[in-house]
Amino acid sequence: MISPTPIPVDQPYGSERECSSSAPFAVILSCDGLLLDTGELNTVAYREATEALVGDSMTEAEIEDTVGVRAVDYAARVRRRYDIDVTDEEFQRLVGERYRIQAFDHSVRAFQGVGELLDDLRTQRIPYALATSAPLWKVQHNLEEAGVADYFSVIVTGDDVARGKPGPDVFLESAHRLGIEPSHCIA
């Protein structure tokens, strides 16, 4: 378990918080698959939700197509691909239910070196943020479960923006909240 020195957070995640900095650059980190080993949990949740709706197995290409995509955005793909009538909200609910089961049965962990990276960023006074297409409830659960929640004072989720990845919205909003020009951010 990683034991960070907590960062005081005076506003909830996803709030309109600006952290202007005199640093020459900032780092914007993704969550699933980069900081946290949650790829398989996500894949299973999307696969099970889709298969429950269509009654058939997904191909490997279809499963790979779920990586980094918000459930609301993937719902449109499911409607087109399978010609079924499912609302964005229904699909999000199904994916969320499947994910909660997976997360309950399997612990969420940070990849090796994540704590050291975040400690180094903090020590060097390099501003950083977490940018993810995932919904806030999932991000909060995963960060707490992995023991790294106290590292982040700036978190932008798929709930905070109009478009999820691969659109740049979460990254642009992260840069804004950090008070750093996007051209001076490493993502």
N, C-alpha and C. Protein backbone atom coordinates (compact mmCIF):
# COMPACT_ATOMS: atom_id res chain seq x y z
N MET A 1 0.85 -1.19 0.00
CA MET A 1 0.00 0.00 0.00
C MET A 1 0.89 1.24 0.00
N ILE A 2 0.59 2.16 -0.86
CA ILE A 2 1.33 3.41 -0.97
C ILE A 2 0.80 4.37 0.09
N SER A 3 1.70 5.08 0.78
CA SER A 3 1.28 6.02 1.82
C SER A 3 1.74 7.43 1.46
N PRO A 4 0.94 8.16 0.71
CA PRO A 4 1.35 9.51 0.33
C PRO A 4 1.13 10.51 1.45
N THR A 5 1.83 11.61 1.36
CA THR A 5 1.53 12.74 2.21
C THR A 5 0.32 13.42 1.60
N PRO A 6 -0.79 13.53 2.35
CA PRO A 6 -2.01 14.09 1.76
C PRO A 6 -1.84 15.52 1.26
N ILE A 7 -2.49 15.82 0.15
CA ILE A 7 -2.59 17.18 -0.35
C ILE A 7 -3.91 17.72 0.16
N PRO A 8 -3.91 18.89 0.79
CA PRO A 8 -5.19 19.42 1.23
C PRO A 8 -6.07 19.73 0.03
N VAL A 9 -7.27 19.26 0.09
CA VAL A 9 -8.22 19.48 -1.00
C VAL A 9 -9.36 20.32 -0.43
N ASP A 10 -9.47 21.56 -0.91
CA ASP A 10 -10.48 22.45 -0.37
C ASP A 10 -11.77 22.43 -1.17
N GLN A 11 -11.78 21.71 -2.30
CA GLN A 11 -12.98 21.58 -3.09
C GLN A 11 -13.07 20.14 -3.59
N PRO A 12 -14.27 19.66 -3.87
CA PRO A 12 -14.41 18.28 -4.31
C PRO A 12 -13.80 18.06 -5.69
N TYR A 13 -13.53 16.80 -5.99
CA TYR A 13 -13.02 16.44 -7.31
C TYR A 13 -13.94 16.99 -8.39
N GLY A 14 -13.35 17.40 -9.48
CA GLY A 14 -14.15 17.85 -10.62
C GLY A 14 -14.69 19.25 -10.47
N SER A 15 -14.30 19.96 -9.42
CA SER A 15 -14.83 21.31 -9.23
C SER A 15 -14.05 22.29 -10.11
N GLU A 16 -14.55 23.49 -10.20
CA GLU A 16 -13.89 24.54 -10.98
C GLU A 16 -12.74 25.11 -10.16
N ARG A 17 -11.68 24.38 -10.07
CA ARG A 17 -10.54 24.76 -9.25
C ARG A 17 -9.39 25.14 -10.17
N GLU A 18 -8.77 26.27 -9.91
CA GLU A 18 -7.59 26.67 -10.68
C GLU A 18 -6.39 26.66 -9.75
N CYS A 19 -5.30 26.10 -10.20
CA CYS A 19 -4.08 26.01 -9.40
C CYS A 19 -2.96 26.68 -10.17
N SER A 20 -3.06 27.95 -10.40
CA SER A 20 -2.03 28.65 -11.16
C SER A 20 -0.66 28.36 -10.59
N SER A 21 0.28 28.18 -11.48
CA SER A 21 1.62 27.80 -11.07
C SER A 21 2.64 28.58 -11.87
N SER A 22 3.81 28.78 -11.27
CA SER A 22 4.90 29.41 -11.99
C SER A 22 5.79 28.36 -12.65
N ALA A 23 5.42 27.09 -12.54
CA ALA A 23 6.21 26.01 -13.15
C ALA A 23 6.18 26.15 -14.67
N PRO A 24 7.25 25.76 -15.34
CA PRO A 24 7.30 25.89 -16.80
C PRO A 24 6.43 24.87 -17.53
N PHE A 25 6.03 23.81 -16.85
CA PHE A 25 5.17 22.81 -17.47
C PHE A 25 4.40 22.06 -16.39
N ALA A 26 3.43 21.27 -16.84
CA ALA A 26 2.64 20.43 -15.94
C ALA A 26 2.53 19.04 -16.55
N VAL A 27 2.15 18.10 -15.73
CA VAL A 27 1.97 16.72 -16.16
C VAL A 27 0.50 16.35 -15.96
N ILE A 28 -0.10 15.81 -17.00
CA ILE A 28 -1.49 15.35 -16.93
C ILE A 28 -1.48 13.84 -17.13
N LEU A 29 -1.96 13.15 -16.12
CA LEU A 29 -1.90 11.69 -16.11
C LEU A 29 -3.26 11.07 -16.36
N SER A 30 -3.26 9.99 -17.10
CA SER A 30 -4.46 9.19 -17.28
C SER A 30 -4.53 8.19 -16.14
N CYS A 31 -5.67 7.61 -15.93
CA CYS A 31 -5.85 6.73 -14.78
C CYS A 31 -5.78 5.25 -15.16
N ASP A 32 -6.82 4.78 -15.83
CA ASP A 32 -6.93 3.36 -16.14
C ASP A 32 -5.86 2.93 -17.14
N GLY A 33 -5.09 1.94 -16.74
CA GLY A 33 -4.06 1.40 -17.62
C GLY A 33 -2.74 2.14 -17.56
N LEU A 34 -2.70 3.32 -16.96
CA LEU A 34 -1.44 4.05 -16.82
C LEU A 34 -1.02 4.08 -15.34
N LEU A 35 -1.88 4.63 -14.49
CA LEU A 35 -1.58 4.65 -13.06
C LEU A 35 -2.11 3.40 -12.37
N LEU A 36 -3.29 2.99 -12.77
CA LEU A 36 -3.96 1.88 -12.09
C LEU A 36 -4.17 0.70 -13.03
N ASP A 37 -4.00 -0.49 -12.48
CA ASP A 37 -4.17 -1.72 -13.24
C ASP A 37 -5.65 -2.11 -13.24
N THR A 38 -6.42 -1.42 -14.05
CA THR A 38 -7.87 -1.65 -14.10
C THR A 38 -8.35 -2.06 -15.49
N GLY A 39 -7.44 -2.26 -16.41
CA GLY A 39 -7.83 -2.57 -17.78
C GLY A 39 -8.74 -3.77 -17.90
N GLU A 40 -8.40 -4.84 -17.22
CA GLU A 40 -9.21 -6.06 -17.31
C GLU A 40 -10.58 -5.86 -16.68
N LEU A 41 -10.64 -5.12 -15.58
CA LEU A 41 -11.94 -4.85 -14.94
C LEU A 41 -12.85 -4.09 -15.89
N ASN A 42 -12.30 -3.08 -16.57
CA ASN A 42 -13.08 -2.30 -17.54
C ASN A 42 -13.55 -3.16 -18.70
N THR A 43 -12.63 -3.93 -19.25
CA THR A 43 -12.96 -4.77 -20.39
C THR A 43 -14.08 -5.74 -20.06
N VAL A 44 -13.97 -6.39 -18.93
CA VAL A 44 -15.01 -7.35 -18.52
C VAL A 44 -16.35 -6.65 -18.33
N ALA A 45 -16.35 -5.48 -17.72
CA ALA A 45 -17.60 -4.75 -17.49
C ALA A 45 -18.27 -4.38 -18.80
N TYR A 46 -17.51 -3.84 -19.75
CA TYR A 46 -18.08 -3.49 -21.05
C TYR A 46 -18.55 -4.73 -21.80
N ARG A 47 -17.74 -5.78 -21.78
CA ARG A 47 -18.10 -7.01 -22.49
C ARG A 47 -19.39 -7.61 -21.91
N GLU A 48 -19.46 -7.72 -20.59
CA GLU A 48 -20.64 -8.32 -19.97
C GLU A 48 -21.89 -7.48 -20.20
N ALA A 49 -21.77 -6.16 -20.12
CA ALA A 49 -22.93 -5.29 -20.35
C ALA A 49 -23.41 -5.43 -21.79
N THR A 50 -22.49 -5.40 -22.73
CA THR A 50 -22.86 -5.51 -24.15
C THR A 50 -23.47 -6.87 -24.44
N GLU A 51 -22.84 -7.92 -23.96
CA GLU A 51 -23.33 -9.26 -24.23
C GLU A 51 -24.70 -9.50 -23.58
N ALA A 52 -24.95 -8.87 -22.43
CA ALA A 52 -26.26 -8.99 -21.80
C ALA A 52 -27.35 -8.36 -22.67
N LEU A 53 -27.00 -7.31 -23.36
CA LEU A 53 -27.96 -6.63 -24.23
C LEU A 53 -28.18 -7.35 -25.56
N VAL A 54 -27.10 -7.84 -26.14
CA VAL A 54 -27.21 -8.41 -27.49
C VAL A 54 -27.32 -9.92 -27.50
N GLY A 55 -27.02 -10.57 -26.37
CA GLY A 55 -27.15 -12.01 -26.30
C GLY A 55 -26.12 -12.77 -27.11
N ASP A 56 -25.00 -12.14 -27.39
CA ASP A 56 -23.97 -12.78 -28.20
C ASP A 56 -22.60 -12.29 -27.73
N SER A 57 -21.58 -13.07 -28.01
CA SER A 57 -20.22 -12.71 -27.62
C SER A 57 -19.66 -11.60 -28.50
N MET A 58 -18.79 -10.78 -27.92
CA MET A 58 -18.12 -9.72 -28.67
C MET A 58 -16.84 -10.27 -29.27
N THR A 59 -16.43 -9.70 -30.38
CA THR A 59 -15.15 -10.07 -30.98
C THR A 59 -14.02 -9.36 -30.23
N GLU A 60 -12.80 -9.82 -30.41
CA GLU A 60 -11.65 -9.18 -29.78
C GLU A 60 -11.54 -7.72 -30.21
N ALA A 61 -11.79 -7.44 -31.49
CA ALA A 61 -11.73 -6.06 -31.98
C ALA A 61 -12.77 -5.19 -31.30
N GLU A 62 -13.96 -5.72 -31.10
CA GLU A 62 -15.00 -4.96 -30.41
C GLU A 62 -14.62 -4.70 -28.95
N ILE A 63 -14.01 -5.68 -28.32
CA ILE A 63 -13.57 -5.51 -26.93
C ILE A 63 -12.48 -4.45 -26.85
N GLU A 64 -11.53 -4.50 -27.76
CA GLU A 64 -10.45 -3.50 -27.79
C GLU A 64 -11.00 -2.10 -28.04
N ASP A 65 -12.11 -2.01 -28.73
CA ASP A 65 -12.74 -0.73 -29.06
C ASP A 65 -13.30 -0.03 -27.81
N THR A 66 -13.39 -0.73 -26.69
CA THR A 66 -13.93 -0.13 -25.46
C THR A 66 -12.88 0.63 -24.66
N VAL A 67 -11.61 0.44 -24.96
CA VAL A 67 -10.53 1.01 -24.15
C VAL A 67 -10.57 2.54 -24.18
N GLY A 68 -10.65 3.14 -22.99
CA GLY A 68 -10.60 4.59 -22.85
C GLY A 68 -11.86 5.32 -23.26
N VAL A 69 -12.94 4.60 -23.52
CA VAL A 69 -14.18 5.21 -24.02
C VAL A 69 -15.21 5.28 -22.88
N ARG A 70 -15.88 6.42 -22.77
CA ARG A 70 -16.95 6.55 -21.78
C ARG A 70 -18.11 5.63 -22.16
N ALA A 71 -18.80 5.12 -21.16
CA ALA A 71 -19.94 4.23 -21.42
C ALA A 71 -20.99 4.93 -22.28
N VAL A 72 -21.22 6.21 -22.03
CA VAL A 72 -22.21 6.96 -22.80
C VAL A 72 -21.82 7.02 -24.28
N ASP A 73 -20.53 7.13 -24.55
CA ASP A 73 -20.07 7.16 -25.94
C ASP A 73 -20.09 5.77 -26.57
N TYR A 74 -19.79 4.77 -25.78
CA TYR A 74 -19.81 3.40 -26.32
C TYR A 74 -21.24 2.94 -26.58
N ALA A 75 -22.20 3.46 -25.84
CA ALA A 75 -23.61 3.09 -26.05
C ALA A 75 -24.03 3.38 -27.48
N ALA A 76 -23.58 4.51 -28.03
CA ALA A 76 -23.91 4.84 -29.42
C ALA A 76 -23.33 3.80 -30.37
N ARG A 77 -22.14 3.33 -30.09
CA ARG A 77 -21.52 2.29 -30.93
C ARG A 77 -22.32 0.99 -30.85
N VAL A 78 -22.78 0.67 -29.66
CA VAL A 78 -23.57 -0.56 -29.47
C VAL A 78 -24.87 -0.46 -30.26
N ARG A 79 -25.53 0.69 -30.20
CA ARG A 79 -26.79 0.86 -30.94
C ARG A 79 -26.56 0.68 -32.44
N ARG A 80 -25.50 1.31 -32.96
CA ARG A 80 -25.20 1.20 -34.40
C ARG A 80 -24.79 -0.22 -34.80
N ARG A 81 -23.88 -0.76 -34.05
CA ARG A 81 -23.29 -2.05 -34.40
C ARG A 81 -24.31 -3.18 -34.34
N TYR A 82 -25.17 -3.17 -33.32
CA TYR A 82 -26.09 -4.28 -33.10
C TYR A 82 -27.54 -3.94 -33.42
N ASP A 83 -27.80 -2.70 -33.83
CA ASP A 83 -29.14 -2.26 -34.16
C ASP A 83 -30.13 -2.59 -33.03
N ILE A 84 -29.77 -2.15 -31.83
CA ILE A 84 -30.65 -2.37 -30.67
C ILE A 84 -31.00 -1.02 -30.07
N ASP A 85 -32.07 -1.01 -29.31
CA ASP A 85 -32.55 0.21 -28.67
C ASP A 85 -32.15 0.19 -27.20
N VAL A 86 -31.06 0.87 -26.87
CA VAL A 86 -30.60 1.00 -25.50
C VAL A 86 -30.24 2.47 -25.29
N THR A 87 -30.72 3.03 -24.18
CA THR A 87 -30.40 4.43 -23.89
C THR A 87 -28.99 4.54 -23.33
N ASP A 88 -28.44 5.74 -23.42
CA ASP A 88 -27.13 5.98 -22.84
C ASP A 88 -27.14 5.65 -21.34
N GLU A 89 -28.19 6.09 -20.67
CA GLU A 89 -28.31 5.88 -19.23
C GLU A 89 -28.39 4.39 -18.88
N GLU A 90 -29.16 3.62 -19.68
CA GLU A 90 -29.28 2.18 -19.41
C GLU A 90 -27.92 1.50 -19.60
N PHE A 91 -27.21 1.86 -20.65
CA PHE A 91 -25.92 1.23 -20.88
C PHE A 91 -24.92 1.62 -19.79
N GLN A 92 -24.92 2.89 -19.40
CA GLN A 92 -24.04 3.32 -18.31
C GLN A 92 -24.34 2.54 -17.03
N ARG A 93 -25.62 2.36 -16.75
CA ARG A 93 -26.02 1.61 -15.55
C ARG A 93 -25.51 0.18 -15.61
N LEU A 94 -25.69 -0.47 -16.77
CA LEU A 94 -25.23 -1.86 -16.93
C LEU A 94 -23.72 -1.98 -16.76
N VAL A 95 -22.98 -1.08 -17.40
CA VAL A 95 -21.52 -1.11 -17.28
C VAL A 95 -21.12 -0.86 -15.83
N GLY A 96 -21.76 0.12 -15.19
CA GLY A 96 -21.45 0.43 -13.79
C GLY A 96 -21.71 -0.75 -12.87
N GLU A 97 -22.83 -1.44 -13.07
CA GLU A 97 -23.14 -2.63 -12.25
C GLU A 97 -22.07 -3.70 -12.44
N ARG A 98 -21.72 -3.96 -13.68
CA ARG A 98 -20.71 -4.99 -13.98
C ARG A 98 -19.34 -4.59 -13.41
N TYR A 99 -19.01 -3.30 -13.51
CA TYR A 99 -17.73 -2.84 -12.98
C TYR A 99 -17.68 -2.99 -11.46
N ARG A 100 -18.76 -2.61 -10.79
CA ARG A 100 -18.79 -2.71 -9.33
C ARG A 100 -18.58 -4.15 -8.88
N ILE A 101 -19.18 -5.09 -9.59
CA ILE A 101 -18.98 -6.51 -9.27
C ILE A 101 -17.52 -6.89 -9.45
N GLN A 102 -16.93 -6.48 -10.57
CA GLN A 102 -15.52 -6.79 -10.83
C GLN A 102 -14.62 -6.15 -9.77
N ALA A 103 -14.86 -4.89 -9.44
CA ALA A 103 -14.02 -4.18 -8.48
C ALA A 103 -14.17 -4.77 -7.08
N PHE A 104 -15.34 -5.30 -6.76
CA PHE A 104 -15.55 -5.93 -5.46
C PHE A 104 -14.79 -7.25 -5.39
N ASP A 105 -14.79 -8.00 -6.49
CA ASP A 105 -14.14 -9.31 -6.53
C ASP A 105 -12.63 -9.25 -6.72
N HIS A 106 -12.13 -8.16 -7.28
CA HIS A 106 -10.70 -8.02 -7.58
C HIS A 106 -10.21 -6.67 -7.07
N SER A 107 -9.12 -6.67 -6.34
CA SER A 107 -8.62 -5.40 -5.82
C SER A 107 -8.02 -4.55 -6.94
N VAL A 108 -8.16 -3.25 -6.78
CA VAL A 108 -7.58 -2.29 -7.72
C VAL A 108 -6.24 -1.89 -7.15
N ARG A 109 -5.21 -1.93 -7.97
CA ARG A 109 -3.88 -1.58 -7.48
C ARG A 109 -3.21 -0.60 -8.44
N ALA A 110 -2.31 0.20 -7.85
CA ALA A 110 -1.48 1.10 -8.66
C ALA A 110 -0.34 0.28 -9.25
N PHE A 111 0.07 0.63 -10.46
CA PHE A 111 1.22 -0.02 -11.05
C PHE A 111 2.47 0.32 -10.25
N GLN A 112 3.46 -0.54 -10.34
CA GLN A 112 4.73 -0.32 -9.66
C GLN A 112 5.33 1.01 -10.12
N GLY A 113 5.80 1.80 -9.16
CA GLY A 113 6.46 3.06 -9.46
C GLY A 113 5.55 4.28 -9.44
N VAL A 114 4.24 4.08 -9.36
CA VAL A 114 3.31 5.21 -9.37
C VAL A 114 3.52 6.12 -8.17
N GLY A 115 3.63 5.54 -6.99
CA GLY A 115 3.85 6.35 -5.79
C GLY A 115 5.12 7.16 -5.88
N GLU A 116 6.18 6.55 -6.39
CA GLU A 116 7.45 7.25 -6.54
C GLU A 116 7.34 8.39 -7.54
N LEU A 117 6.66 8.14 -8.65
CA LEU A 117 6.45 9.19 -9.66
C LEU A 117 5.71 10.38 -9.05
N LEU A 118 4.61 10.10 -8.36
CA LEU A 118 3.82 11.19 -7.77
C LEU A 118 4.60 11.91 -6.68
N ASP A 119 5.37 11.17 -5.89
CA ASP A 119 6.23 11.81 -4.89
C ASP A 119 7.26 12.72 -5.56
N ASP A 120 7.85 12.25 -6.66
CA ASP A 120 8.84 13.06 -7.38
C ASP A 120 8.21 14.33 -7.95
N LEU A 121 7.02 14.21 -8.54
CA LEU A 121 6.35 15.39 -9.07
C LEU A 121 6.10 16.40 -7.96
N ARG A 122 5.64 15.91 -6.84
CA ARG A 122 5.35 16.80 -5.72
C ARG A 122 6.63 17.43 -5.18
N THR A 123 7.68 16.64 -5.00
CA THR A 123 8.96 17.14 -4.48
C THR A 123 9.55 18.21 -5.41
N GLN A 124 9.43 17.97 -6.71
CA GLN A 124 9.97 18.92 -7.69
C GLN A 124 9.03 20.10 -7.94
N ARG A 125 7.89 20.10 -7.25
CA ARG A 125 6.88 21.15 -7.37
C ARG A 125 6.38 21.31 -8.81
N ILE A 126 6.22 20.17 -9.46
CA ILE A 126 5.67 20.14 -10.81
C ILE A 126 4.17 19.89 -10.69
N PRO A 127 3.36 20.81 -11.17
CA PRO A 127 1.91 20.61 -11.08
C PRO A 127 1.48 19.40 -11.90
N TYR A 128 0.50 18.69 -11.38
CA TYR A 128 -0.02 17.54 -12.11
C TYR A 128 -1.50 17.37 -11.83
N ALA A 129 -2.15 16.69 -12.75
CA ALA A 129 -3.59 16.45 -12.63
C ALA A 129 -3.89 15.04 -13.14
N LEU A 130 -5.05 14.56 -12.80
CA LEU A 130 -5.54 13.29 -13.30
C LEU A 130 -6.66 13.60 -14.29
N ALA A 131 -6.54 13.06 -15.50
CA ALA A 131 -7.54 13.27 -16.56
C ALA A 131 -8.02 11.90 -17.04
N THR A 132 -9.30 11.66 -16.93
CA THR A 132 -9.84 10.35 -17.29
C THR A 132 -11.25 10.49 -17.85
N SER A 133 -11.61 9.59 -18.73
CA SER A 133 -12.98 9.56 -19.25
C SER A 133 -13.93 8.85 -18.30
N ALA A 134 -13.39 8.20 -17.29
CA ALA A 134 -14.21 7.44 -16.34
C ALA A 134 -15.11 8.38 -15.54
N PRO A 135 -16.22 7.85 -15.02
CA PRO A 135 -17.09 8.67 -14.17
C PRO A 135 -16.46 8.88 -12.79
N LEU A 136 -16.87 9.94 -12.12
CA LEU A 136 -16.30 10.31 -10.84
C LEU A 136 -16.40 9.19 -9.80
N TRP A 137 -17.56 8.52 -9.69
CA TRP A 137 -17.71 7.48 -8.67
C TRP A 137 -16.65 6.39 -8.84
N LYS A 138 -16.36 6.05 -10.09
CA LYS A 138 -15.40 4.99 -10.37
C LYS A 138 -13.98 5.46 -10.03
N VAL A 139 -13.65 6.68 -10.40
CA VAL A 139 -12.32 7.23 -10.13
C VAL A 139 -12.08 7.29 -8.62
N GLN A 140 -13.04 7.80 -7.88
CA GLN A 140 -12.90 7.89 -6.44
C GLN A 140 -12.68 6.51 -5.82
N HIS A 141 -13.50 5.55 -6.23
CA HIS A 141 -13.36 4.18 -5.72
C HIS A 141 -11.97 3.63 -6.02
N ASN A 142 -11.54 3.74 -7.28
CA ASN A 142 -10.28 3.15 -7.70
C ASN A 142 -9.08 3.80 -7.01
N LEU A 143 -9.07 5.12 -6.92
CA LEU A 143 -7.96 5.80 -6.27
C LEU A 143 -7.87 5.44 -4.79
N GLU A 144 -9.02 5.38 -4.12
CA GLU A 144 -9.05 4.98 -2.71
C GLU A 144 -8.56 3.54 -2.55
N GLU A 145 -9.09 2.65 -3.37
CA GLU A 145 -8.74 1.23 -3.30
C GLU A 145 -7.24 1.03 -3.53
N ALA A 146 -6.66 1.79 -4.44
CA ALA A 146 -5.23 1.66 -4.77
C ALA A 146 -4.34 2.43 -3.80
N GLY A 147 -4.94 3.24 -2.92
CA GLY A 147 -4.16 3.97 -1.93
C GLY A 147 -3.47 5.21 -2.45
N VAL A 148 -3.98 5.80 -3.52
CA VAL A 148 -3.33 6.99 -4.09
C VAL A 148 -4.26 8.21 -4.17
N ALA A 149 -5.41 8.13 -3.56
CA ALA A 149 -6.38 9.24 -3.66
C ALA A 149 -5.82 10.55 -3.11
N ASP A 150 -5.05 10.49 -2.04
CA ASP A 150 -4.55 11.71 -1.40
C ASP A 150 -3.48 12.43 -2.23
N TYR A 151 -3.04 11.84 -3.28
CA TYR A 151 -2.05 12.49 -4.14
C TYR A 151 -2.67 13.56 -5.03
N PHE A 152 -3.98 13.49 -5.27
CA PHE A 152 -4.59 14.32 -6.32
C PHE A 152 -5.48 15.41 -5.76
N SER A 153 -5.17 16.64 -6.16
CA SER A 153 -6.05 17.76 -5.84
C SER A 153 -6.79 18.24 -7.09
N VAL A 154 -6.31 17.86 -8.26
CA VAL A 154 -6.99 18.21 -9.52
C VAL A 154 -7.30 16.93 -10.27
N ILE A 155 -8.60 16.67 -10.40
CA ILE A 155 -9.08 15.48 -11.11
C ILE A 155 -10.18 15.92 -12.05
N VAL A 156 -10.04 15.58 -13.32
CA VAL A 156 -11.07 15.86 -14.31
C VAL A 156 -11.55 14.51 -14.84
N THR A 157 -12.87 14.31 -14.77
CA THR A 157 -13.45 13.03 -15.19
C THR A 157 -14.34 13.23 -16.42
N GLY A 158 -14.79 12.12 -16.95
CA GLY A 158 -15.72 12.16 -18.07
C GLY A 158 -17.01 12.88 -17.72
N ASP A 159 -17.33 12.97 -16.43
CA ASP A 159 -18.52 13.69 -15.99
C ASP A 159 -18.38 15.20 -16.15
N ASP A 160 -17.15 15.67 -16.25
CA ASP A 160 -16.87 17.11 -16.27
C ASP A 160 -16.83 17.72 -17.67
N VAL A 161 -16.85 16.91 -18.69
CA VAL A 161 -16.63 17.42 -20.05
C VAL A 161 -17.70 16.90 -21.01
N ALA A 162 -17.82 17.59 -22.13
CA ALA A 162 -18.82 17.20 -23.14
C ALA A 162 -18.40 15.94 -23.90
N ARG A 163 -17.10 15.84 -24.20
CA ARG A 163 -16.61 14.69 -24.97
C ARG A 163 -15.53 13.96 -24.19
N GLY A 164 -15.64 12.63 -24.16
CA GLY A 164 -14.60 11.83 -23.54
C GLY A 164 -13.47 11.57 -24.53
N LYS A 165 -12.49 10.79 -24.09
CA LYS A 165 -11.40 10.42 -24.97
C LYS A 165 -11.97 9.63 -26.14
N PRO A 166 -11.44 9.71 -27.30
CA PRO A 166 -10.14 10.28 -27.65
C PRO A 166 -10.16 11.79 -27.82
N GLY A 167 -11.30 12.44 -27.61
CA GLY A 167 -11.32 13.90 -27.65
C GLY A 167 -10.40 14.48 -26.59
N PRO A 168 -9.92 15.69 -26.78
CA PRO A 168 -8.94 16.27 -25.85
C PRO A 168 -9.56 16.95 -24.63
N ASP A 169 -10.87 16.91 -24.48
CA ASP A 169 -11.56 17.72 -23.47
C ASP A 169 -11.02 17.55 -22.05
N VAL A 170 -10.80 16.30 -21.59
CA VAL A 170 -10.33 16.11 -20.22
C VAL A 170 -8.93 16.69 -20.02
N PHE A 171 -8.11 16.64 -21.07
CA PHE A 171 -6.76 17.19 -20.97
C PHE A 171 -6.78 18.72 -20.97
N LEU A 172 -7.62 19.30 -21.83
CA LEU A 172 -7.72 20.76 -21.87
C LEU A 172 -8.28 21.31 -20.57
N GLU A 173 -9.29 20.65 -20.02
CA GLU A 173 -9.85 21.10 -18.75
C GLU A 173 -8.85 20.94 -17.62
N SER A 174 -8.06 19.89 -17.65
CA SER A 174 -7.01 19.70 -16.63
C SER A 174 -6.00 20.83 -16.69
N ALA A 175 -5.55 21.17 -17.89
CA ALA A 175 -4.60 22.27 -18.05
C ALA A 175 -5.20 23.57 -17.51
N HIS A 176 -6.46 23.81 -17.83
CA HIS A 176 -7.15 25.02 -17.35
C HIS A 176 -7.15 25.06 -15.82
N ARG A 177 -7.51 23.95 -15.20
CA ARG A 177 -7.58 23.92 -13.73
C ARG A 177 -6.21 24.04 -13.08
N LEU A 178 -5.18 23.60 -13.79
CA LEU A 178 -3.82 23.75 -13.27
C LEU A 178 -3.29 25.17 -13.50
N GLY A 179 -3.93 25.91 -14.40
CA GLY A 179 -3.48 27.25 -14.72
C GLY A 179 -2.26 27.25 -15.62
N ILE A 180 -2.11 26.21 -16.42
CA ILE A 180 -0.98 26.05 -17.34
C ILE A 180 -1.51 25.95 -18.76
N GLU A 181 -0.88 26.63 -19.69
CA GLU A 181 -1.28 26.53 -21.10
C GLU A 181 -1.16 25.07 -21.55
N PRO A 182 -2.15 24.59 -22.32
CA PRO A 182 -2.08 23.20 -22.80
C PRO A 182 -0.77 22.88 -23.53
N SER A 183 -0.22 23.86 -24.24
CA SER A 183 1.04 23.62 -24.96
C SER A 183 2.22 23.41 -24.02
N HIS A 184 2.04 23.67 -22.72
CA HIS A 184 3.10 23.47 -21.74
C HIS A 184 2.78 22.28 -20.83
N CYS A 185 1.95 21.38 -21.32
CA CYS A 185 1.59 20.19 -20.55
C CYS A 185 2.08 18.93 -21.24
N ILE A 186 2.48 18.00 -20.43
CA ILE A 186 2.87 16.67 -20.90
C ILE A 186 1.74 15.74 -20.46
N ALA A 187 1.18 15.03 -21.39
CA ALA A 187 0.09 14.11 -21.05
C ALA A 187 0.53 12.69 -21.31
